[in-house]
Amino acid sequence: MLNLVTMTAIPELMVLVLAIFAAVILYKILKTVKKMLINTIIGLIVLVLANLVLGLDIAYDWIVILICALAGTFGAIFVIVLHCLGIAF
């Protein structure tokens, strides 16, 4: 009887450990995505405000959005500086 219980308990225990591991990884990924989304939104808000207040004509293409997504506010300021210097955007 003991042998049958341990034989069925081992796969169940392995599945449980695997599920906990997957849940932890998913939590970390979603937490990172949430921070990146907030960072992107703040960077784009800075860029939109700069376009409205300073009258810049910076287009919202995928490169600008990617820079704002990765660097947030500093990325938006970087895009604005590059635009004002006539280097890009």
C-alpha atoms as a PDB file:
ATOM      1  CA  MET A   1       0.000   0.000   0.000  1.00  0.00           C
ATOM      2  CA  LEU A   2       2.800   2.407   0.866  1.00  0.00           C
ATOM      3  CA  ASN A   3       4.539   1.753  -2.429  1.00  0.00           C
ATOM      4  CA  LEU A   4       1.391   2.619  -4.452  1.00  0.00           C
ATOM      5  CA  VAL A   5       0.907   5.867  -2.516  1.00  0.00           C
ATOM      6  CA  THR A   6       4.462   7.048  -3.093  1.00  0.00           C
ATOM      7  CA  MET A   7       4.324   6.114  -6.780  1.00  0.00           C
ATOM      8  CA  THR A   8       1.293   8.340  -7.356  1.00  0.00           C
ATOM      9  CA  ALA A   9       2.461  11.094  -5.032  1.00  0.00           C
ATOM     10  CA  ILE A  10       5.774  11.698  -6.803  1.00  0.00           C
ATOM     11  CA  PRO A  11       4.273  12.784 -10.179  1.00  0.00           C
ATOM     12  CA  GLU A  12       1.683  14.921  -8.403  1.00  0.00           C
ATOM     13  CA  LEU A  13       4.403  16.563  -6.340  1.00  0.00           C
ATOM     14  CA  MET A  14       6.466  17.201  -9.473  1.00  0.00           C
ATOM     15  CA  VAL A  15       3.464  18.810 -11.194  1.00  0.00           C
ATOM     16  CA  LEU A  16       2.841  20.971  -8.126  1.00  0.00           C
ATOM     17  CA  VAL A  17       6.460  22.154  -8.022  1.00  0.00           C
ATOM     18  CA  LEU A  18       6.359  22.854 -11.764  1.00  0.00           C
ATOM     19  CA  ALA A  19       3.121  24.835 -11.383  1.00  0.00           C
ATOM     20  CA  ILE A  20       4.599  26.946  -8.578  1.00  0.00           C
ATOM     21  CA  PHE A  21       7.715  27.573 -10.669  1.00  0.00           C
ATOM     22  CA  ALA A  22       5.593  28.625 -13.672  1.00  0.00           C
ATOM     23  CA  ALA A  23       3.472  30.906 -11.461  1.00  0.00           C
ATOM     24  CA  VAL A  24       6.570  32.673 -10.093  1.00  0.00           C
ATOM     25  CA  ILE A  25       7.989  33.195 -13.584  1.00  0.00           C
ATOM     26  CA  LEU A  26       4.648  34.491 -14.880  1.00  0.00           C
ATOM     27  CA  TYR A  27       4.369  36.878 -11.930  1.00  0.00           C
ATOM     28  CA  LYS A  28       7.829  38.311 -12.618  1.00  0.00           C
ATOM     29  CA  ILE A  29       7.098  38.724 -16.345  1.00  0.00           C
ATOM     30  CA  LEU A  30       3.758  40.429 -15.740  1.00  0.00           C
ATOM     31  CA  LYS A  31       5.284  42.698 -13.097  1.00  0.00           C
ATOM     32  CA  THR A  32       7.961  43.736 -15.582  1.00  0.00           C
ATOM     33  CA  VAL A  33       5.370  44.296 -18.315  1.00  0.00           C
ATOM     34  CA  LYS A  34       3.340  46.478 -15.950  1.00  0.00           C
ATOM     35  CA  LYS A  35       6.372  48.632 -15.119  1.00  0.00           C
ATOM     36  CA  MET A  36       7.315  48.893 -18.781  1.00  0.00           C
ATOM     37  CA  LEU A  37       3.775  49.915 -19.725  1.00  0.00           C
ATOM     38  CA  ILE A  38       3.747  52.644 -17.061  1.00  0.00           C
ATOM     39  CA  ASN A  39       7.204  53.792 -18.188  1.00  0.00           C
ATOM     40  CA  THR A  40       6.002  53.944 -21.811  1.00  0.00           C
ATOM     41  CA  ILE A  41       2.876  55.908 -20.937  1.00  0.00           C
ATOM     42  CA  ILE A  42       4.798  58.471 -18.888  1.00  0.00           C
ATOM     43  CA  GLY A  43       7.387  58.891 -21.666  1.00  0.00           C
ATOM     44  CA  LEU A  44       4.681  59.360 -24.285  1.00  0.00           C
ATOM     45  CA  ILE A  45       2.844  61.875 -22.092  1.00  0.00           C
ATOM     46  CA  VAL A  46       6.074  63.896 -21.800  1.00  0.00           C
ATOM     47  CA  LEU A  47       6.491  63.699 -25.579  1.00  0.00           C
ATOM     48  CA  VAL A  48       2.886  64.754 -26.278  1.00  0.00           C
ATOM     49  CA  LEU A  49       3.145  67.663 -23.835  1.00  0.00           C
ATOM     50  CA  ALA A  50       6.404  68.771 -25.440  1.00  0.00           C
ATOM     51  CA  ASN A  51       4.759  68.601 -28.877  1.00  0.00           C
ATOM     52  CA  LEU A  52       1.798  70.655 -27.688  1.00  0.00           C
ATOM     53  CA  VAL A  53       3.630  73.231 -25.570  1.00  0.00           C
ATOM     54  CA  LEU A  54       6.774  73.702 -27.658  1.00  0.00           C
ATOM     55  CA  GLY A  55       5.086  73.196 -31.016  1.00  0.00           C
ATOM     56  CA  LEU A  56       7.418  70.380 -32.041  1.00  0.00           C
ATOM     57  CA  ASP A  57       6.385  68.148 -34.919  1.00  0.00           C
ATOM     58  CA  ILE A  58       7.760  64.852 -33.665  1.00  0.00           C
ATOM     59  CA  ALA A  59       5.969  61.942 -35.344  1.00  0.00           C
ATOM     60  CA  TYR A  60       4.854  59.034 -33.207  1.00  0.00           C
ATOM     61  CA  ASP A  61       6.401  56.200 -35.173  1.00  0.00           C
ATOM     62  CA  TRP A  62       7.530  52.825 -33.866  1.00  0.00           C
ATOM     63  CA  ILE A  63      11.111  54.000 -33.199  1.00  0.00           C
ATOM     64  CA  VAL A  64       9.963  56.883 -30.984  1.00  0.00           C
ATOM     65  CA  ILE A  65       7.523  54.631 -29.114  1.00  0.00           C
ATOM     66  CA  LEU A  66      10.234  51.985 -28.654  1.00  0.00           C
ATOM     67  CA  ILE A  67      12.658  54.580 -27.250  1.00  0.00           C
ATOM     68  CA  CYS A  68       9.963  55.839 -24.860  1.00  0.00           C
ATOM     69  CA  ALA A  69       9.083  52.252 -23.894  1.00  0.00           C
ATOM     70  CA  LEU A  70      12.649  51.350 -23.030  1.00  0.00           C
ATOM     71  CA  ALA A  71      13.824  54.611 -21.497  1.00  0.00           C
ATOM     72  CA  GLY A  72      10.583  56.339 -20.408  1.00  0.00           C
ATOM     73  CA  THR A  73      10.950  60.004 -19.532  1.00  0.00           C
ATOM     74  CA  PHE A  74      14.656  60.049 -20.327  1.00  0.00           C
ATOM     75  CA  GLY A  75      13.901  58.518 -23.729  1.00  0.00           C
ATOM     76  CA  ALA A  76      11.316  61.194 -24.445  1.00  0.00           C
ATOM     77  CA  ILE A  77      13.800  63.911 -23.477  1.00  0.00           C
ATOM     78  CA  PHE A  78      16.402  62.222 -25.681  1.00  0.00           C
ATOM     79  CA  VAL A  79      14.000  62.256 -28.646  1.00  0.00           C
ATOM     80  CA  ILE A  80      13.161  65.917 -28.003  1.00  0.00           C
ATOM     81  CA  VAL A  81      16.835  66.911 -27.823  1.00  0.00           C
ATOM     82  CA  LEU A  82      17.644  65.006 -31.018  1.00  0.00           C
ATOM     83  CA  HIS A  83      14.720  66.688 -32.751  1.00  0.00           C
ATOM     84  CA  CYS A  84      15.755  70.173 -31.575  1.00  0.00           C
ATOM     85  CA  LEU A  85      19.333  69.580 -32.743  1.00  0.00           C
ATOM     86  CA  GLY A  86      18.050  68.443 -36.130  1.00  0.00           C
ATOM     87  CA  ILE A  87      19.727  65.054 -35.856  1.00  0.00           C
ATOM     88  CA  ALA A  88      16.649  62.818 -35.991  1.00  0.00           C
ATOM     89  CA  PHE A  89      12.863  62.718 -35.723  1.00  0.00           C
END
